[in-house]
Amino acid sequence: MDTMKIARGVYQYTAIDDCLRFRVLAVYPRRNARNTLLFLDRVIEKMPFPIQRVQTDRGGEFFAESVQRRLMSECIKFRPIPPRSPHLNGKV
């Protein structure tokens, strides 16, 4: 899962399954915990299978307590990539 600034006040959230390449996208006005939770809901709804793990960079929107609690409640493992490791960003 990743976020990218498209324009001023426009952020694209993206989740891609590592194996099947199934993709979920959404655009939000801010990159924050609230929008991350909204996007996580969308990903859970749209993916045709249960999510086992989420890999992200170390953005604050992913480390927020509310996001971490939600991942735990859904039994989704959280795997942040090490700092300064853009080569591990994967498919997004």
PDB file of N, CA and C in Angstrom:
ATOM      1  N   MET A   1       0.861  -1.161   0.000  1.00  0.00           N
ATOM      2  CA  MET A   1       0.000   0.000   0.000  1.00  0.00           C
ATOM      3  C   MET A   1       0.906   1.222   0.000  1.00  0.00           C
ATOM      4  N   ASP A   2       0.513   2.230  -0.783  1.00  0.00           N
ATOM      5  CA  ASP A   2       1.336   3.427  -0.876  1.00  0.00           C
ATOM      6  C   ASP A   2       0.457   4.634  -1.164  1.00  0.00           C
ATOM      7  N   THR A   3       1.023   5.811  -0.927  1.00  0.00           N
ATOM      8  CA  THR A   3       0.349   7.059  -1.270  1.00  0.00           C
ATOM      9  C   THR A   3       1.279   7.869  -2.162  1.00  0.00           C
ATOM     10  N   MET A   4       0.674   8.693  -3.006  1.00  0.00           N
ATOM     11  CA  MET A   4       1.460   9.536  -3.895  1.00  0.00           C
ATOM     12  C   MET A   4       0.719  10.851  -4.098  1.00  0.00           C
ATOM     13  N   LYS A   5       1.457  11.946  -3.997  1.00  0.00           N
ATOM     14  CA  LYS A   5       0.865  13.256  -4.238  1.00  0.00           C
ATOM     15  C   LYS A   5       0.716  13.450  -5.741  1.00  0.00           C
ATOM     16  N   ILE A   6      -0.526  13.667  -6.184  1.00  0.00           N
ATOM     17  CA  ILE A   6      -0.816  13.866  -7.602  1.00  0.00           C
ATOM     18  C   ILE A   6      -0.745  15.354  -7.946  1.00  0.00           C
ATOM     19  N   ALA A   7      -1.332  16.162  -7.084  1.00  0.00           N
ATOM     20  CA  ALA A   7      -1.353  17.613  -7.238  1.00  0.00           C
ATOM     21  C   ALA A   7      -1.591  18.196  -5.851  1.00  0.00           C
ATOM     22  N   ARG A   8      -1.623  19.499  -5.771  1.00  0.00           N
ATOM     23  CA  ARG A   8      -1.875  20.133  -4.475  1.00  0.00           C
ATOM     24  C   ARG A   8      -3.237  19.687  -3.948  1.00  0.00           C
ATOM     25  N   GLY A   9      -3.243  19.068  -2.766  1.00  0.00           N
ATOM     26  CA  GLY A   9      -4.479  18.609  -2.155  1.00  0.00           C
ATOM     27  C   GLY A   9      -5.090  17.383  -2.817  1.00  0.00           C
ATOM     28  N   VAL A  10      -4.293  16.626  -3.570  1.00  0.00           N
ATOM     29  CA  VAL A  10      -4.790  15.407  -4.227  1.00  0.00           C
ATOM     30  C   VAL A  10      -3.768  14.289  -4.010  1.00  0.00           C
ATOM     31  N   TYR A  11      -4.177  13.270  -3.256  1.00  0.00           N
ATOM     32  CA  TYR A  11      -3.306  12.137  -2.961  1.00  0.00           C
ATOM     33  C   TYR A  11      -3.950  10.845  -3.435  1.00  0.00           C
ATOM     34  N   GLN A  12      -3.173  10.055  -4.148  1.00  0.00           N
ATOM     35  CA  GLN A  12      -3.662   8.753  -4.609  1.00  0.00           C
ATOM     36  C   GLN A  12      -3.157   7.668  -3.667  1.00  0.00           C
ATOM     37  N   TYR A  13      -4.075   6.878  -3.152  1.00  0.00           N
ATOM     38  CA  TYR A  13      -3.743   5.689  -2.372  1.00  0.00           C
ATOM     39  C   TYR A  13      -3.828   4.501  -3.323  1.00  0.00           C
ATOM     40  N   THR A  14      -2.874   3.590  -3.230  1.00  0.00           N
ATOM     41  CA  THR A  14      -2.834   2.420  -4.102  1.00  0.00           C
ATOM     42  C   THR A  14      -2.506   1.176  -3.291  1.00  0.00           C
ATOM     43  N   ALA A  15      -3.210   0.094  -3.574  1.00  0.00           N
ATOM     44  CA  ALA A  15      -2.890  -1.224  -3.008  1.00  0.00           C
ATOM     45  C   ALA A  15      -2.868  -2.211  -4.161  1.00  0.00           C
ATOM     46  N   ILE A  16      -1.822  -3.024  -4.213  1.00  0.00           N
ATOM     47  CA  ILE A  16      -1.684  -4.019  -5.275  1.00  0.00           C
ATOM     48  C   ILE A  16      -1.339  -5.361  -4.647  1.00  0.00           C
ATOM     49  N   ASP A  17      -2.075  -6.397  -5.040  1.00  0.00           N
ATOM     50  CA  ASP A  17      -1.742  -7.743  -4.595  1.00  0.00           C
ATOM     51  C   ASP A  17      -0.439  -8.164  -5.259  1.00  0.00           C
ATOM     52  N   ASP A  18       0.473  -8.692  -4.476  1.00  0.00           N
ATOM     53  CA  ASP A  18       1.804  -9.050  -4.954  1.00  0.00           C
ATOM     54  C   ASP A  18       1.790 -10.192  -5.966  1.00  0.00           C
ATOM     55  N   CYS A  19       0.846 -11.089  -5.860  1.00  0.00           N
ATOM     56  CA  CYS A  19       0.811 -12.264  -6.733  1.00  0.00           C
ATOM     57  C   CYS A  19      -0.060 -12.046  -7.975  1.00  0.00           C
ATOM     58  N   LEU A  20      -1.312 -11.677  -7.763  1.00  0.00           N
ATOM     59  CA  LEU A  20      -2.261 -11.563  -8.875  1.00  0.00           C
ATOM     60  C   LEU A  20      -2.252 -10.204  -9.562  1.00  0.00           C
ATOM     61  N   ARG A  21      -1.611  -9.211  -8.925  1.00  0.00           N
ATOM     62  CA  ARG A  21      -1.544  -7.846  -9.448  1.00  0.00           C
ATOM     63  C   ARG A  21      -2.898  -7.135  -9.419  1.00  0.00           C
ATOM     64  N   PHE A  22      -3.837  -7.649  -8.640  1.00  0.00           N
ATOM     65  CA  PHE A  22      -5.135  -6.993  -8.473  1.00  0.00           C
ATOM     66  C   PHE A  22      -4.882  -5.661  -7.787  1.00  0.00           C
ATOM     67  N   ARG A  23      -5.516  -4.582  -8.288  1.00  0.00           N
ATOM     68  CA  ARG A  23      -5.208  -3.230  -7.821  1.00  0.00           C
ATOM     69  C   ARG A  23      -6.456  -2.512  -7.332  1.00  0.00           C
ATOM     70  N   VAL A  24      -6.292  -1.747  -6.251  1.00  0.00           N
ATOM     71  CA  VAL A  24      -7.350  -0.875  -5.742  1.00  0.00           C
ATOM     72  C   VAL A  24      -6.748   0.523  -5.625  1.00  0.00           C
ATOM     73  N   LEU A  25      -7.456   1.521  -6.165  1.00  0.00           N
ATOM     74  CA  LEU A  25      -7.001   2.913  -6.133  1.00  0.00           C
ATOM     75  C   LEU A  25      -8.095   3.797  -5.560  1.00  0.00           C
ATOM     76  N   ALA A  26      -7.691   4.882  -4.929  1.00  0.00           N
ATOM     77  CA  ALA A  26      -8.644   5.898  -4.477  1.00  0.00           C
ATOM     78  C   ALA A  26      -7.890   7.216  -4.323  1.00  0.00           C
ATOM     79  N   VAL A  27      -8.611   8.315  -4.458  1.00  0.00           N
ATOM     80  CA  VAL A  27      -8.022   9.650  -4.333  1.00  0.00           C
ATOM     81  C   VAL A  27      -8.662  10.352  -3.142  1.00  0.00           C
ATOM     82  N   TYR A  28      -7.816  11.007  -2.341  1.00  0.00           N
ATOM     83  CA  TYR A  28      -8.267  11.730  -1.150  1.00  0.00           C
ATOM     84  C   TYR A  28      -7.586  13.096  -1.104  1.00  0.00           C
ATOM     85  N   PRO A  29      -8.174  14.047  -0.372  1.00  0.00           N
ATOM     86  CA  PRO A  29      -7.585  15.389  -0.309  1.00  0.00           C
ATOM     87  C   PRO A  29      -6.380  15.495   0.630  1.00  0.00           C
ATOM     88  N   ARG A  30      -6.212  14.509   1.504  1.00  0.00           N
ATOM     89  CA  ARG A  30      -5.095  14.535   2.453  1.00  0.00           C
ATOM     90  C   ARG A  30      -4.551  13.129   2.649  1.00  0.00           C
ATOM     91  N   ARG A  31      -3.295  13.092   3.046  1.00  0.00           N
ATOM     92  CA  ARG A  31      -2.644  11.827   3.391  1.00  0.00           C
ATOM     93  C   ARG A  31      -2.609  11.779   4.914  1.00  0.00           C
ATOM     94  N   ASN A  32      -3.592  11.106   5.517  1.00  0.00           N
ATOM     95  CA  ASN A  32      -3.677  11.055   6.973  1.00  0.00           C
ATOM     96  C   ASN A  32      -4.314   9.740   7.422  1.00  0.00           C
ATOM     97  N   ALA A  33      -4.390   9.541   8.729  1.00  0.00           N
ATOM     98  CA  ALA A  33      -4.913   8.286   9.277  1.00  0.00           C
ATOM     99  C   ALA A  33      -6.372   8.069   8.894  1.00  0.00           C
ATOM    100  N   ARG A  34      -7.171   9.112   8.925  1.00  0.00           N
ATOM    101  CA  ARG A  34      -8.596   8.972   8.600  1.00  0.00           C
ATOM    102  C   ARG A  34      -8.782   8.452   7.179  1.00  0.00           C
ATOM    103  N   ASN A  35      -8.079   9.051   6.228  1.00  0.00           N
ATOM    104  CA  ASN A  35      -8.200   8.609   4.842  1.00  0.00           C
ATOM    105  C   ASN A  35      -7.565   7.237   4.631  1.00  0.00           C
ATOM    106  N   THR A  36      -6.525   6.938   5.395  1.00  0.00           N
ATOM    107  CA  THR A  36      -5.931   5.601   5.321  1.00  0.00           C
ATOM    108  C   THR A  36      -6.939   4.554   5.773  1.00  0.00           C
ATOM    109  N   LEU A  37      -7.693   4.849   6.822  1.00  0.00           N
ATOM    110  CA  LEU A  37      -8.732   3.917   7.283  1.00  0.00           C
ATOM    111  C   LEU A  37      -9.840   3.770   6.246  1.00  0.00           C
ATOM    112  N   LEU A  38     -10.240   4.871   5.630  1.00  0.00           N
ATOM    113  CA  LEU A  38     -11.251   4.798   4.568  1.00  0.00           C
ATOM    114  C   LEU A  38     -10.746   3.941   3.407  1.00  0.00           C
ATOM    115  N   PHE A  39      -9.481   4.129   3.054  1.00  0.00           N
ATOM    116  CA  PHE A  39      -8.912   3.343   1.963  1.00  0.00           C
ATOM    117  C   PHE A  39      -8.795   1.870   2.348  1.00  0.00           C
ATOM    118  N   LEU A  40      -8.402   1.606   3.578  1.00  0.00           N
ATOM    119  CA  LEU A  40      -8.313   0.219   4.035  1.00  0.00           C
ATOM    120  C   LEU A  40      -9.674  -0.464   3.940  1.00  0.00           C
ATOM    121  N   ASP A  41     -10.736   0.241   4.330  1.00  0.00           N
ATOM    122  CA  ASP A  41     -12.096  -0.305   4.176  1.00  0.00           C
ATOM    123  C   ASP A  41     -12.376  -0.648   2.717  1.00  0.00           C
ATOM    124  N   ARG A  42     -11.985   0.242   1.833  1.00  0.00           N
ATOM    125  CA  ARG A  42     -12.213   0.028   0.394  1.00  0.00           C
ATOM    126  C   ARG A  42     -11.432  -1.190  -0.114  1.00  0.00           C
ATOM    127  N   VAL A  43     -10.190  -1.306   0.326  1.00  0.00           N
ATOM    128  CA  VAL A  43      -9.356  -2.437  -0.092  1.00  0.00           C
ATOM    129  C   VAL A  43      -9.955  -3.753   0.401  1.00  0.00           C
ATOM    130  N   ILE A  44     -10.371  -3.786   1.656  1.00  0.00           N
ATOM    131  CA  ILE A  44     -10.978  -4.999   2.217  1.00  0.00           C
ATOM    132  C   ILE A  44     -12.232  -5.372   1.435  1.00  0.00           C
ATOM    133  N   GLU A  45     -13.015  -4.374   1.069  1.00  0.00           N
ATOM    134  CA  GLU A  45     -14.253  -4.613   0.319  1.00  0.00           C
ATOM    135  C   GLU A  45     -13.981  -5.090  -1.110  1.00  0.00           C
ATOM    136  N   LYS A  46     -12.990  -4.505  -1.775  1.00  0.00           N
ATOM    137  CA  LYS A  46     -12.768  -4.761  -3.202  1.00  0.00           C
ATOM    138  C   LYS A  46     -11.899  -5.985  -3.505  1.00  0.00           C
ATOM    139  N   MET A  47     -10.965  -6.306  -2.628  1.00  0.00           N
ATOM    140  CA  MET A  47     -10.097  -7.453  -2.903  1.00  0.00           C
ATOM    141  C   MET A  47     -10.931  -8.732  -2.898  1.00  0.00           C
ATOM    142  N   PRO A  48     -10.720  -9.612  -3.875  1.00  0.00           N
ATOM    143  CA  PRO A  48     -11.539 -10.822  -3.974  1.00  0.00           C
ATOM    144  C   PRO A  48     -11.086 -11.949  -3.044  1.00  0.00           C
ATOM    145  N   PHE A  49     -10.249 -11.618  -2.065  1.00  0.00           N
ATOM    146  CA  PHE A  49      -9.728 -12.619  -1.137  1.00  0.00           C
ATOM    147  C   PHE A  49      -9.324 -11.898   0.146  1.00  0.00           C
ATOM    148  N   PRO A  50      -9.169 -12.631   1.250  1.00  0.00           N
ATOM    149  CA  PRO A  50      -8.756 -11.995   2.508  1.00  0.00           C
ATOM    150  C   PRO A  50      -7.331 -11.432   2.407  1.00  0.00           C
ATOM    151  N   ILE A  51      -7.115 -10.314   3.043  1.00  0.00           N
ATOM    152  CA  ILE A  51      -5.793  -9.681   3.048  1.00  0.00           C
ATOM    153  C   ILE A  51      -5.001 -10.251   4.216  1.00  0.00           C
ATOM    154  N   GLN A  52      -3.808 -10.730   3.941  1.00  0.00           N
ATOM    155  CA  GLN A  52      -2.967 -11.315   4.980  1.00  0.00           C
ATOM    156  C   GLN A  52      -1.952 -10.326   5.528  1.00  0.00           C
ATOM    157  N   ARG A  53      -1.423  -9.464   4.651  1.00  0.00           N
ATOM    158  CA  ARG A  53      -0.331  -8.581   5.051  1.00  0.00           C
ATOM    159  C   ARG A  53      -0.384  -7.300   4.238  1.00  0.00           C
ATOM    160  N   VAL A  54       0.002  -6.198   4.877  1.00  0.00           N
ATOM    161  CA  VAL A  54       0.116  -4.907   4.199  1.00  0.00           C
ATOM    162  C   VAL A  54       1.560  -4.444   4.346  1.00  0.00           C
ATOM    163  N   GLN A  55       2.198  -4.141   3.222  1.00  0.00           N
ATOM    164  CA  GLN A  55       3.555  -3.602   3.238  1.00  0.00           C
ATOM    165  C   GLN A  55       3.484  -2.138   2.826  1.00  0.00           C
ATOM    166  N   THR A  56       4.090  -1.273   3.619  1.00  0.00           N
ATOM    167  CA  THR A  56       4.058   0.164   3.348  1.00  0.00           C
ATOM    168  C   THR A  56       5.434   0.776   3.584  1.00  0.00           C
ATOM    169  N   ASP A  57       5.559   2.049   3.184  1.00  0.00           N
ATOM    170  CA  ASP A  57       6.728   2.804   3.608  1.00  0.00           C
ATOM    171  C   ASP A  57       6.472   3.223   5.059  1.00  0.00           C
ATOM    172  N   ARG A  58       7.284   4.087   5.577  1.00  0.00           N
ATOM    173  CA  ARG A  58       7.150   4.466   6.985  1.00  0.00           C
ATOM    174  C   ARG A  58       6.420   5.796   7.173  1.00  0.00           C
ATOM    175  N   GLY A  59       5.471   6.070   6.291  1.00  0.00           N
ATOM    176  CA  GLY A  59       4.674   7.285   6.402  1.00  0.00           C
ATOM    177  C   GLY A  59       3.814   7.275   7.660  1.00  0.00           C
ATOM    178  N   GLY A  60       3.676   8.434   8.266  1.00  0.00           N
ATOM    179  CA  GLY A  60       2.899   8.565   9.495  1.00  0.00           C
ATOM    180  C   GLY A  60       1.459   8.117   9.353  1.00  0.00           C
ATOM    181  N   GLU A  61       0.903   8.223   8.139  1.00  0.00           N
ATOM    182  CA  GLU A  61      -0.481   7.815   7.923  1.00  0.00           C
ATOM    183  C   GLU A  61      -0.676   6.320   8.152  1.00  0.00           C
ATOM    184  N   PHE A  62       0.387   5.530   8.037  1.00  0.00           N
ATOM    185  CA  PHE A  62       0.287   4.085   8.247  1.00  0.00           C
ATOM    186  C   PHE A  62       0.603   3.685   9.687  1.00  0.00           C
ATOM    187  N   PHE A  63       1.363   4.526  10.400  1.00  0.00           N
ATOM    188  CA  PHE A  63       1.764   4.205  11.766  1.00  0.00           C
ATOM    189  C   PHE A  63       0.810   4.768  12.814  1.00  0.00           C
ATOM    190  N   ALA A  64      -0.198   5.499  12.391  1.00  0.00           N
ATOM    191  CA  ALA A  64      -1.164   6.064  13.341  1.00  0.00           C
ATOM    192  C   ALA A  64      -1.788   4.940  14.166  1.00  0.00           C
ATOM    193  N   GLU A  65      -2.028   5.223  15.429  1.00  0.00           N
ATOM    194  CA  GLU A  65      -2.572   4.207  16.337  1.00  0.00           C
ATOM    195  C   GLU A  65      -3.893   3.637  15.831  1.00  0.00           C
ATOM    196  N   SER A  66      -4.753   4.486  15.294  1.00  0.00           N
ATOM    197  CA  SER A  66      -6.053   4.011  14.807  1.00  0.00           C
ATOM    198  C   SER A  66      -5.894   3.042  13.635  1.00  0.00           C
ATOM    199  N   VAL A  67      -4.924   3.286  12.780  1.00  0.00           N
ATOM    200  CA  VAL A  67      -4.672   2.395  11.638  1.00  0.00           C
ATOM    201  C   VAL A  67      -4.102   1.071  12.137  1.00  0.00           C
ATOM    202  N   GLN A  68      -3.158   1.140  13.063  1.00  0.00           N
ATOM    203  CA  GLN A  68      -2.566  -0.082  13.610  1.00  0.00           C
ATOM    204  C   GLN A  68      -3.609  -0.940  14.328  1.00  0.00           C
ATOM    205  N   ARG A  69      -4.487  -0.291  15.083  1.00  0.00           N
ATOM    206  CA  ARG A  69      -5.565  -1.044  15.766  1.00  0.00           C
ATOM    207  C   ARG A  69      -6.473  -1.721  14.757  1.00  0.00           C
ATOM    208  N   ARG A  70      -6.800  -1.019  13.683  1.00  0.00           N
ATOM    209  CA  ARG A  70      -7.689  -1.594  12.664  1.00  0.00           C
ATOM    210  C   ARG A  70      -7.042  -2.787  11.979  1.00  0.00           C
ATOM    211  N   LEU A  71      -5.767  -2.674  11.650  1.00  0.00           N
ATOM    212  CA  LEU A  71      -5.062  -3.802  11.042  1.00  0.00           C
ATOM    213  C   LEU A  71      -5.087  -5.012  11.977  1.00  0.00           C
ATOM    214  N   MET A  72      -4.834  -4.782  13.259  1.00  0.00           N
ATOM    215  CA  MET A  72      -4.863  -5.885  14.228  1.00  0.00           C
ATOM    216  C   MET A  72      -6.252  -6.492  14.336  1.00  0.00           C
ATOM    217  N   SER A  73      -7.281  -5.648  14.341  1.00  0.00           N
ATOM    218  CA  SER A  73      -8.650  -6.167  14.477  1.00  0.00           C
ATOM    219  C   SER A  73      -9.061  -6.997  13.264  1.00  0.00           C
ATOM    220  N   GLU A  74      -8.462  -6.723  12.104  1.00  0.00           N
ATOM    221  CA  GLU A  74      -8.750  -7.485  10.879  1.00  0.00           C
ATOM    222  C   GLU A  74      -7.770  -8.645  10.691  1.00  0.00           C
ATOM    223  N   CYS A  75      -6.859  -8.829  11.670  1.00  0.00           N
ATOM    224  CA  CYS A  75      -5.817  -9.878  11.592  1.00  0.00           C
ATOM    225  C   CYS A  75      -4.951  -9.724  10.344  1.00  0.00           C
ATOM    226  N   ILE A  76      -4.625  -8.471  10.022  1.00  0.00           N
ATOM    227  CA  ILE A  76      -3.754  -8.164   8.885  1.00  0.00           C
ATOM    228  C   ILE A  76      -2.385  -7.786   9.447  1.00  0.00           C
ATOM    229  N   LYS A  77      -1.360  -8.502   9.031  1.00  0.00           N
ATOM    230  CA  LYS A  77      -0.003  -8.199   9.482  1.00  0.00           C
ATOM    231  C   LYS A  77       0.482  -6.920   8.805  1.00  0.00           C
ATOM    232  N   PHE A  78       1.248  -6.129   9.553  1.00  0.00           N
ATOM    233  CA  PHE A  78       1.784  -4.867   9.052  1.00  0.00           C
ATOM    234  C   PHE A  78       3.283  -5.017   8.851  1.00  0.00           C
ATOM    235  N   ARG A  79       3.750  -4.703   7.659  1.00  0.00           N
ATOM    236  CA  ARG A  79       5.166  -4.847   7.350  1.00  0.00           C
ATOM    237  C   ARG A  79       5.695  -3.554   6.729  1.00  0.00           C
ATOM    238  N   PRO A  80       6.277  -2.675   7.550  1.00  0.00           N
ATOM    239  CA  PRO A  80       6.880  -1.466   6.982  1.00  0.00           C
ATOM    240  C   PRO A  80       8.256  -1.791   6.402  1.00  0.00           C
ATOM    241  N   ILE A  81       8.586  -1.161   5.293  1.00  0.00           N
ATOM    242  CA  ILE A  81       9.910  -1.391   4.716  1.00  0.00           C
ATOM    243  C   ILE A  81      10.937  -0.587   5.513  1.00  0.00           C
ATOM    244  N   PRO A  82      12.202  -1.005   5.496  1.00  0.00           N
ATOM    245  CA  PRO A  82      13.233  -0.258   6.220  1.00  0.00           C
ATOM    246  C   PRO A  82      13.401   1.150   5.648  1.00  0.00           C
ATOM    247  N   PRO A  83      13.868   2.087   6.481  1.00  0.00           N
ATOM    248  CA  PRO A  83      14.114   3.447   5.987  1.00  0.00           C
ATOM    249  C   PRO A  83      15.113   3.445   4.826  1.00  0.00           C
ATOM    250  N   ARG A  84      14.929   4.389   3.921  1.00  0.00           N
ATOM    251  CA  ARG A  84      15.815   4.571   2.769  1.00  0.00           C
ATOM    252  C   ARG A  84      15.953   3.291   1.938  1.00  0.00           C
ATOM    253  N   SER A  85      14.818   2.639   1.682  1.00  0.00           N
ATOM    254  CA  SER A  85      14.810   1.405   0.881  1.00  0.00           C
ATOM    255  C   SER A  85      13.763   1.484  -0.226  1.00  0.00           C
ATOM    256  N   PRO A  86      13.862   2.471  -1.108  1.00  0.00           N
ATOM    257  CA  PRO A  86      12.840   2.606  -2.150  1.00  0.00           C
ATOM    258  C   PRO A  86      12.769   1.395  -3.075  1.00  0.00           C
ATOM    259  N   HIS A  87      13.860   0.641  -3.176  1.00  0.00           N
ATOM    260  CA  HIS A  87      13.842  -0.555  -4.023  1.00  0.00           C
ATOM    261  C   HIS A  87      12.902  -1.628  -3.472  1.00  0.00           C
ATOM    262  N   LEU A  88      12.505  -1.497  -2.202  1.00  0.00           N
ATOM    263  CA  LEU A  88      11.568  -2.446  -1.594  1.00  0.00           C
ATOM    264  C   LEU A  88      10.122  -1.980  -1.700  1.00  0.00           C
ATOM    265  N   ASN A  89       9.895  -0.812  -2.298  1.00  0.00           N
ATOM    266  CA  ASN A  89       8.529  -0.311  -2.445  1.00  0.00           C
ATOM    267  C   ASN A  89       7.678  -1.242  -3.283  1.00  0.00           C
ATOM    268  N   GLY A  90       8.297  -2.106  -4.011  1.00  0.00           N
ATOM    269  CA  GLY A  90       7.547  -3.133  -4.731  1.00  0.00           C
ATOM    270  C   GLY A  90       6.839  -2.623  -5.959  1.00  0.00           C
ATOM    271  N   LYS A  91       5.577  -3.011  -6.081  1.00  0.00           N
ATOM    272  CA  LYS A  91       4.829  -2.814  -7.318  1.00  0.00           C
ATOM    273  C   LYS A  91       4.147  -1.462  -7.436  1.00  0.00           C
ATOM    274  N   VAL A  92       3.962  -0.773  -6.342  1.00  0.00           N
ATOM    275  CA  VAL A  92       3.189   0.473  -6.371  1.00  0.00           C
ATOM    276  C   VAL A  92       4.011   1.593  -6.966  1.00  0.00           C
TER     277      VAL A  92
END
